[in-house]
Amino acid sequence: MKRAILCAMAVLLSVGAYAVFSAGTVGNLFHTTYQSYATGTGALELYATNDSSGFQLLEVRVHLAAATTTDTLTVSVDSALGAYDDAVLATQAMTSLTDYVFRPTAECVLAEDDLLKVGCPNSAGTRYGAEILWRKR
């Protein structure tokens, strides 16, 4: 029996970007994959959190329309426990790159109210698309 599963996931974006949030529908809660994404030309700032339970990060994808930015993309966790528990999961200099995919090499579980942050200054104003895939725990 399939049931709709809605998630209390916030997607906050900077000026010049927009977001679409979607929730999956399947029978087994632990196999539902959720997706949030954004496109824009300003600074890339994509945040995801789940205030009802933890979640497992599956993948972060970023595509740039052209390899024009010299900025660094950062994927990090802002821990609900405080600043001493924050962690940078990955950084990538986007010089001469148009695509970047981050997949944790081991299971990456974020606790309730942790904030996943994907950011890049995008000082060249290059059009981008960014996406986060995750599962509710």
N, C-alpha and C. Protein backbone atom coordinates (compact mmCIF):
# COMPACT_ATOMS: atom_id res chain seq x y z
N MET A 1 0.84 -1.18 0.00
CA MET A 1 0.00 0.00 0.00
C MET A 1 0.88 1.23 0.00
N LYS A 2 0.65 2.08 -0.93
CA LYS A 2 1.46 3.29 -1.03
C LYS A 2 0.84 4.39 -0.21
N ARG A 3 1.69 5.18 0.41
CA ARG A 3 1.17 6.32 1.14
C ARG A 3 2.08 7.51 0.88
N ALA A 4 1.49 8.65 0.84
CA ALA A 4 2.26 9.87 0.59
C ALA A 4 3.08 10.19 1.82
N ILE A 5 4.30 10.54 1.60
CA ILE A 5 5.19 10.89 2.69
C ILE A 5 5.67 12.31 2.46
N LEU A 6 5.35 13.16 3.37
CA LEU A 6 5.78 14.55 3.26
C LEU A 6 6.87 14.79 4.27
N CYS A 7 7.80 15.59 3.92
CA CYS A 7 8.93 15.85 4.79
C CYS A 7 8.97 17.32 5.16
N ALA A 8 9.36 17.60 6.37
CA ALA A 8 9.50 18.99 6.80
C ALA A 8 10.91 19.44 6.47
N MET A 9 11.21 19.53 5.19
CA MET A 9 12.54 19.92 4.76
C MET A 9 12.48 21.34 4.25
N ALA A 10 13.37 22.16 4.74
CA ALA A 10 13.38 23.55 4.32
C ALA A 10 14.41 23.74 3.22
N VAL A 11 14.05 24.50 2.22
CA VAL A 11 14.99 24.84 1.17
C VAL A 11 15.04 26.37 1.14
N LEU A 12 16.18 26.91 1.49
CA LEU A 12 16.36 28.35 1.54
C LEU A 12 17.38 28.73 0.49
N LEU A 13 17.09 29.73 -0.28
CA LEU A 13 17.99 30.11 -1.36
C LEU A 13 18.25 31.60 -1.35
N SER A 14 19.37 31.99 -1.91
CA SER A 14 19.72 33.39 -2.00
C SER A 14 18.92 34.07 -3.11
N VAL A 15 19.00 35.39 -3.17
CA VAL A 15 18.33 36.17 -4.21
C VAL A 15 18.87 35.73 -5.57
N GLY A 16 18.01 35.67 -6.55
CA GLY A 16 18.43 35.27 -7.89
C GLY A 16 18.26 33.78 -8.13
N ALA A 17 17.69 33.05 -7.18
CA ALA A 17 17.49 31.62 -7.35
C ALA A 17 16.06 31.27 -7.00
N TYR A 18 15.61 30.12 -7.45
CA TYR A 18 14.30 29.64 -7.04
C TYR A 18 14.42 28.16 -6.75
N ALA A 19 13.44 27.61 -6.07
CA ALA A 19 13.52 26.20 -5.70
C ALA A 19 12.21 25.51 -5.91
N VAL A 20 12.28 24.24 -6.13
CA VAL A 20 11.10 23.40 -6.19
C VAL A 20 11.35 22.24 -5.23
N PHE A 21 10.42 22.00 -4.32
CA PHE A 21 10.56 20.90 -3.38
C PHE A 21 9.60 19.79 -3.80
N SER A 22 10.07 18.58 -3.77
CA SER A 22 9.17 17.48 -4.09
C SER A 22 9.36 16.37 -3.07
N ALA A 23 8.30 15.66 -2.79
CA ALA A 23 8.36 14.52 -1.88
C ALA A 23 7.91 13.28 -2.63
N GLY A 24 8.56 12.16 -2.35
CA GLY A 24 8.24 10.92 -3.05
C GLY A 24 7.05 10.20 -2.44
N THR A 25 6.56 9.21 -3.14
CA THR A 25 5.47 8.37 -2.66
C THR A 25 5.85 6.92 -2.89
N VAL A 26 6.05 6.19 -1.82
CA VAL A 26 6.30 4.75 -1.92
C VAL A 26 5.78 4.08 -0.66
N GLY A 27 5.74 2.74 -0.67
CA GLY A 27 5.21 2.01 0.47
C GLY A 27 6.17 1.89 1.63
N ASN A 28 7.46 1.93 1.39
CA ASN A 28 8.44 1.73 2.44
C ASN A 28 9.17 3.03 2.73
N LEU A 29 8.98 3.56 3.91
CA LEU A 29 9.56 4.84 4.30
C LEU A 29 11.08 4.89 4.12
N PHE A 30 11.77 3.79 4.38
CA PHE A 30 13.22 3.82 4.36
C PHE A 30 13.82 3.75 2.96
N HIS A 31 12.98 3.56 1.94
CA HIS A 31 13.48 3.54 0.58
C HIS A 31 13.00 4.73 -0.24
N THR A 32 12.31 5.67 0.38
CA THR A 32 11.84 6.85 -0.32
C THR A 32 13.02 7.79 -0.53
N THR A 33 13.23 8.22 -1.76
CA THR A 33 14.28 9.18 -2.05
C THR A 33 13.63 10.54 -2.25
N TYR A 34 14.15 11.53 -1.55
CA TYR A 34 13.65 12.89 -1.64
C TYR A 34 14.64 13.73 -2.44
N GLN A 35 14.14 14.78 -3.04
CA GLN A 35 14.96 15.62 -3.90
C GLN A 35 14.60 17.08 -3.65
N SER A 36 15.61 17.92 -3.58
CA SER A 36 15.37 19.36 -3.61
C SER A 36 16.38 19.94 -4.59
N TYR A 37 15.99 20.99 -5.28
CA TYR A 37 16.91 21.55 -6.25
C TYR A 37 16.67 23.03 -6.46
N ALA A 38 17.64 23.67 -7.08
CA ALA A 38 17.57 25.10 -7.33
C ALA A 38 18.35 25.43 -8.59
N THR A 39 17.95 26.50 -9.24
CA THR A 39 18.71 27.05 -10.35
C THR A 39 18.83 28.54 -10.13
N GLY A 40 19.82 29.15 -10.74
CA GLY A 40 19.98 30.59 -10.61
C GLY A 40 21.28 31.07 -11.20
N THR A 41 21.55 32.35 -11.00
CA THR A 41 22.79 32.95 -11.48
C THR A 41 23.52 33.68 -10.36
N GLY A 42 22.92 33.78 -9.20
CA GLY A 42 23.57 34.42 -8.05
C GLY A 42 24.39 33.41 -7.27
N ALA A 43 24.68 33.75 -6.03
CA ALA A 43 25.40 32.82 -5.17
C ALA A 43 24.57 31.55 -4.98
N LEU A 44 25.23 30.41 -5.06
CA LEU A 44 24.54 29.14 -4.83
C LEU A 44 24.53 28.90 -3.32
N GLU A 45 23.35 28.91 -2.73
CA GLU A 45 23.18 28.63 -1.31
C GLU A 45 21.96 27.75 -1.16
N LEU A 46 22.18 26.46 -0.98
CA LEU A 46 21.09 25.50 -0.86
C LEU A 46 21.20 24.83 0.50
N TYR A 47 20.14 24.87 1.28
CA TYR A 47 20.12 24.31 2.63
C TYR A 47 19.03 23.26 2.71
N ALA A 48 19.29 22.18 3.41
CA ALA A 48 18.27 21.15 3.62
C ALA A 48 18.32 20.69 5.06
N THR A 49 17.14 20.53 5.66
CA THR A 49 17.05 20.01 7.02
C THR A 49 15.79 19.18 7.15
N ASN A 50 15.77 18.33 8.15
CA ASN A 50 14.59 17.52 8.42
C ASN A 50 14.32 17.64 9.91
N ASP A 51 13.24 18.31 10.29
CA ASP A 51 12.98 18.54 11.71
C ASP A 51 12.15 17.45 12.38
N SER A 52 11.82 16.38 11.65
CA SER A 52 11.03 15.32 12.26
C SER A 52 11.86 14.06 12.55
N SER A 53 12.97 13.90 11.86
CA SER A 53 13.86 12.77 12.08
C SER A 53 15.16 13.05 11.33
N GLY A 54 16.14 12.20 11.51
CA GLY A 54 17.38 12.37 10.77
C GLY A 54 17.19 11.96 9.32
N PHE A 55 18.25 12.17 8.51
CA PHE A 55 18.19 11.76 7.12
C PHE A 55 19.56 11.35 6.63
N GLN A 56 19.57 10.53 5.60
CA GLN A 56 20.81 10.03 5.01
C GLN A 56 21.06 10.78 3.71
N LEU A 57 22.22 11.40 3.61
CA LEU A 57 22.60 12.09 2.38
C LEU A 57 23.03 11.05 1.35
N LEU A 58 22.41 11.10 0.18
CA LEU A 58 22.77 10.18 -0.91
C LEU A 58 23.72 10.83 -1.90
N GLU A 59 23.40 12.08 -2.31
CA GLU A 59 24.19 12.70 -3.37
C GLU A 59 23.89 14.19 -3.46
N VAL A 60 24.92 14.93 -3.85
CA VAL A 60 24.76 16.35 -4.19
C VAL A 60 25.27 16.49 -5.61
N ARG A 61 24.47 17.16 -6.47
CA ARG A 61 24.86 17.37 -7.87
C ARG A 61 24.83 18.86 -8.17
N VAL A 62 25.86 19.33 -8.87
CA VAL A 62 25.91 20.73 -9.29
C VAL A 62 26.34 20.77 -10.74
N HIS A 63 25.62 21.55 -11.54
CA HIS A 63 25.98 21.75 -12.95
C HIS A 63 26.06 23.25 -13.22
N LEU A 64 27.14 23.66 -13.87
CA LEU A 64 27.31 25.05 -14.29
C LEU A 64 27.16 25.11 -15.81
N ALA A 65 26.53 26.17 -16.30
CA ALA A 65 26.32 26.33 -17.73
C ALA A 65 27.64 26.50 -18.49
N ALA A 66 28.65 27.03 -17.81
CA ALA A 66 29.97 27.22 -18.42
C ALA A 66 31.02 27.16 -17.33
N ALA A 67 32.23 26.83 -17.70
CA ALA A 67 33.34 26.74 -16.73
C ALA A 67 33.96 28.12 -16.56
N THR A 68 33.21 29.03 -15.94
CA THR A 68 33.68 30.41 -15.83
C THR A 68 34.00 30.86 -14.41
N THR A 69 33.58 30.11 -13.41
CA THR A 69 33.83 30.55 -12.05
C THR A 69 35.13 29.98 -11.52
N THR A 70 35.79 30.73 -10.68
CA THR A 70 37.03 30.27 -10.03
C THR A 70 36.77 30.02 -8.55
N ASP A 71 35.51 30.00 -8.16
CA ASP A 71 35.14 29.84 -6.76
C ASP A 71 35.19 28.38 -6.32
N THR A 72 35.12 28.19 -5.01
CA THR A 72 35.12 26.85 -4.43
C THR A 72 33.73 26.51 -3.92
N LEU A 73 33.26 25.33 -4.28
CA LEU A 73 31.98 24.81 -3.81
C LEU A 73 32.23 24.05 -2.52
N THR A 74 31.33 24.20 -1.54
CA THR A 74 31.48 23.53 -0.25
C THR A 74 30.20 22.81 0.12
N VAL A 75 30.34 21.57 0.57
CA VAL A 75 29.23 20.78 1.12
C VAL A 75 29.55 20.58 2.59
N SER A 76 28.65 21.03 3.46
CA SER A 76 28.96 20.96 4.89
C SER A 76 27.71 20.67 5.72
N VAL A 77 27.93 20.33 6.98
CA VAL A 77 26.85 20.08 7.93
C VAL A 77 26.95 21.13 9.04
N ASP A 78 25.84 21.81 9.27
CA ASP A 78 25.71 22.73 10.40
C ASP A 78 24.94 21.94 11.45
N SER A 79 25.65 21.44 12.46
CA SER A 79 25.06 20.53 13.44
C SER A 79 24.08 21.24 14.37
N ALA A 80 23.00 20.55 14.67
CA ALA A 80 22.02 21.05 15.64
C ALA A 80 22.62 21.10 17.05
N LEU A 81 23.73 20.38 17.26
CA LEU A 81 24.38 20.37 18.58
C LEU A 81 25.22 21.60 18.84
N GLY A 82 25.56 22.36 17.79
CA GLY A 82 26.35 23.56 17.95
C GLY A 82 27.55 23.60 17.04
N ALA A 83 28.24 24.74 17.06
CA ALA A 83 29.34 25.01 16.13
C ALA A 83 30.49 24.02 16.26
N TYR A 84 30.74 23.49 17.44
CA TYR A 84 31.87 22.56 17.61
C TYR A 84 31.62 21.22 16.93
N ASP A 85 30.39 20.96 16.54
CA ASP A 85 30.06 19.71 15.87
C ASP A 85 29.82 19.88 14.37
N ASP A 86 30.01 21.09 13.84
CA ASP A 86 29.88 21.33 12.41
C ASP A 86 31.01 20.61 11.66
N ALA A 87 30.76 20.27 10.41
CA ALA A 87 31.77 19.55 9.63
C ALA A 87 31.68 19.90 8.15
N VAL A 88 32.82 20.01 7.51
CA VAL A 88 32.88 20.16 6.05
C VAL A 88 33.01 18.76 5.47
N LEU A 89 32.06 18.39 4.62
CA LEU A 89 32.07 17.06 4.00
C LEU A 89 32.90 17.02 2.72
N ALA A 90 32.89 18.13 1.97
CA ALA A 90 33.63 18.16 0.71
C ALA A 90 33.83 19.60 0.26
N THR A 91 34.93 19.85 -0.42
CA THR A 91 35.17 21.12 -1.11
C THR A 91 35.70 20.80 -2.49
N GLN A 92 35.37 21.67 -3.45
CA GLN A 92 35.84 21.47 -4.82
C GLN A 92 36.04 22.81 -5.49
N ALA A 93 37.25 23.07 -5.96
CA ALA A 93 37.50 24.26 -6.77
C ALA A 93 36.80 24.04 -8.11
N MET A 94 35.94 24.96 -8.49
CA MET A 94 35.13 24.80 -9.70
C MET A 94 35.83 25.35 -10.96
N THR A 95 37.10 25.71 -10.83
CA THR A 95 37.87 26.20 -11.97
C THR A 95 37.86 25.15 -13.09
N SER A 96 37.45 25.54 -14.25
CA SER A 96 37.37 24.72 -15.46
C SER A 96 36.46 23.50 -15.33
N LEU A 97 35.53 23.51 -14.37
CA LEU A 97 34.56 22.42 -14.23
C LEU A 97 33.16 22.91 -14.55
N THR A 98 32.36 22.05 -15.14
CA THR A 98 30.95 22.37 -15.33
C THR A 98 30.05 21.43 -14.52
N ASP A 99 30.58 20.31 -14.07
CA ASP A 99 29.79 19.36 -13.29
C ASP A 99 30.56 18.88 -12.08
N TYR A 100 29.82 18.71 -10.96
CA TYR A 100 30.40 18.16 -9.75
C TYR A 100 29.33 17.30 -9.07
N VAL A 101 29.73 16.08 -8.70
CA VAL A 101 28.84 15.18 -7.99
C VAL A 101 29.56 14.73 -6.72
N PHE A 102 28.90 14.91 -5.57
CA PHE A 102 29.44 14.43 -4.30
C PHE A 102 28.57 13.29 -3.81
N ARG A 103 29.21 12.12 -3.64
CA ARG A 103 28.56 10.95 -3.05
C ARG A 103 29.42 10.55 -1.85
N PRO A 104 28.83 10.53 -0.66
CA PRO A 104 29.61 10.09 0.49
C PRO A 104 30.17 8.69 0.27
N THR A 105 31.40 8.45 0.69
CA THR A 105 32.02 7.14 0.51
C THR A 105 31.52 6.12 1.53
N ALA A 106 30.89 6.61 2.59
CA ALA A 106 30.26 5.74 3.59
C ALA A 106 28.90 6.35 3.90
N GLU A 107 28.08 5.62 4.63
CA GLU A 107 26.77 6.14 4.98
C GLU A 107 26.92 7.47 5.73
N CYS A 108 26.22 8.49 5.28
CA CYS A 108 26.30 9.83 5.86
C CYS A 108 24.93 10.19 6.42
N VAL A 109 24.77 10.02 7.74
CA VAL A 109 23.49 10.24 8.40
C VAL A 109 23.56 11.55 9.17
N LEU A 110 22.58 12.41 8.92
CA LEU A 110 22.46 13.67 9.63
C LEU A 110 21.36 13.53 10.67
N ALA A 111 21.57 14.11 11.82
CA ALA A 111 20.61 14.00 12.91
C ALA A 111 19.45 14.97 12.71
N GLU A 112 18.40 14.77 13.48
CA GLU A 112 17.25 15.66 13.45
C GLU A 112 17.72 17.10 13.66
N ASP A 113 17.24 18.01 12.84
CA ASP A 113 17.54 19.44 12.87
C ASP A 113 18.95 19.82 12.42
N ASP A 114 19.77 18.85 11.99
CA ASP A 114 21.04 19.21 11.36
C ASP A 114 20.71 19.90 10.03
N LEU A 115 21.61 20.75 9.58
CA LEU A 115 21.41 21.51 8.35
C LEU A 115 22.49 21.13 7.35
N LEU A 116 22.10 20.62 6.20
CA LEU A 116 23.05 20.33 5.12
C LEU A 116 23.17 21.59 4.28
N LYS A 117 24.39 22.03 4.04
CA LYS A 117 24.62 23.28 3.31
C LYS A 117 25.46 23.00 2.06
N VAL A 118 24.99 23.51 0.93
CA VAL A 118 25.75 23.46 -0.32
C VAL A 118 25.91 24.91 -0.75
N GLY A 119 27.15 25.37 -0.89
CA GLY A 119 27.35 26.77 -1.22
C GLY A 119 28.53 27.02 -2.13
N CYS A 120 28.39 28.07 -2.95
CA CYS A 120 29.46 28.52 -3.83
C CYS A 120 29.18 30.00 -4.13
N PRO A 121 30.16 30.88 -3.95
CA PRO A 121 29.92 32.31 -4.21
C PRO A 121 29.46 32.62 -5.63
N ASN A 122 29.92 31.85 -6.61
CA ASN A 122 29.54 32.04 -8.02
C ASN A 122 29.74 33.50 -8.45
N SER A 123 30.92 34.00 -8.19
CA SER A 123 31.22 35.41 -8.47
C SER A 123 31.12 35.76 -9.96
N ALA A 124 31.21 34.78 -10.84
CA ALA A 124 31.09 35.05 -12.28
C ALA A 124 29.63 35.14 -12.72
N GLY A 125 28.69 34.77 -11.84
CA GLY A 125 27.28 34.83 -12.20
C GLY A 125 26.85 33.78 -13.21
N THR A 126 27.52 32.65 -13.22
CA THR A 126 27.22 31.57 -14.15
C THR A 126 25.91 30.88 -13.77
N ARG A 127 25.05 30.58 -14.73
CA ARG A 127 23.80 29.86 -14.44
C ARG A 127 24.15 28.48 -13.92
N TYR A 128 23.45 28.06 -12.86
CA TYR A 128 23.71 26.77 -12.26
C TYR A 128 22.41 26.02 -11.99
N GLY A 129 22.56 24.72 -11.78
CA GLY A 129 21.51 23.87 -11.26
C GLY A 129 22.13 23.04 -10.15
N ALA A 130 21.47 22.97 -9.01
CA ALA A 130 22.00 22.21 -7.87
C ALA A 130 20.89 21.31 -7.35
N GLU A 131 21.28 20.13 -6.87
CA GLU A 131 20.30 19.15 -6.44
C GLU A 131 20.85 18.35 -5.26
N ILE A 132 19.97 18.06 -4.31
CA ILE A 132 20.31 17.21 -3.17
C ILE A 132 19.36 16.02 -3.19
N LEU A 133 19.92 14.82 -3.07
CA LEU A 133 19.12 13.60 -2.95
C LEU A 133 19.38 13.00 -1.58
N TRP A 134 18.32 12.61 -0.86
CA TRP A 134 18.47 12.07 0.49
C TRP A 134 17.32 11.16 0.83
N ARG A 135 17.50 10.40 1.91
CA ARG A 135 16.47 9.50 2.41
C ARG A 135 16.19 9.82 3.87
N LYS A 136 14.93 9.74 4.22
CA LYS A 136 14.51 9.94 5.61
C LYS A 136 14.94 8.72 6.42
N ARG A 137 15.36 8.94 7.66
CA ARG A 137 15.78 7.83 8.54
C ARG A 137 14.71 7.51 9.54
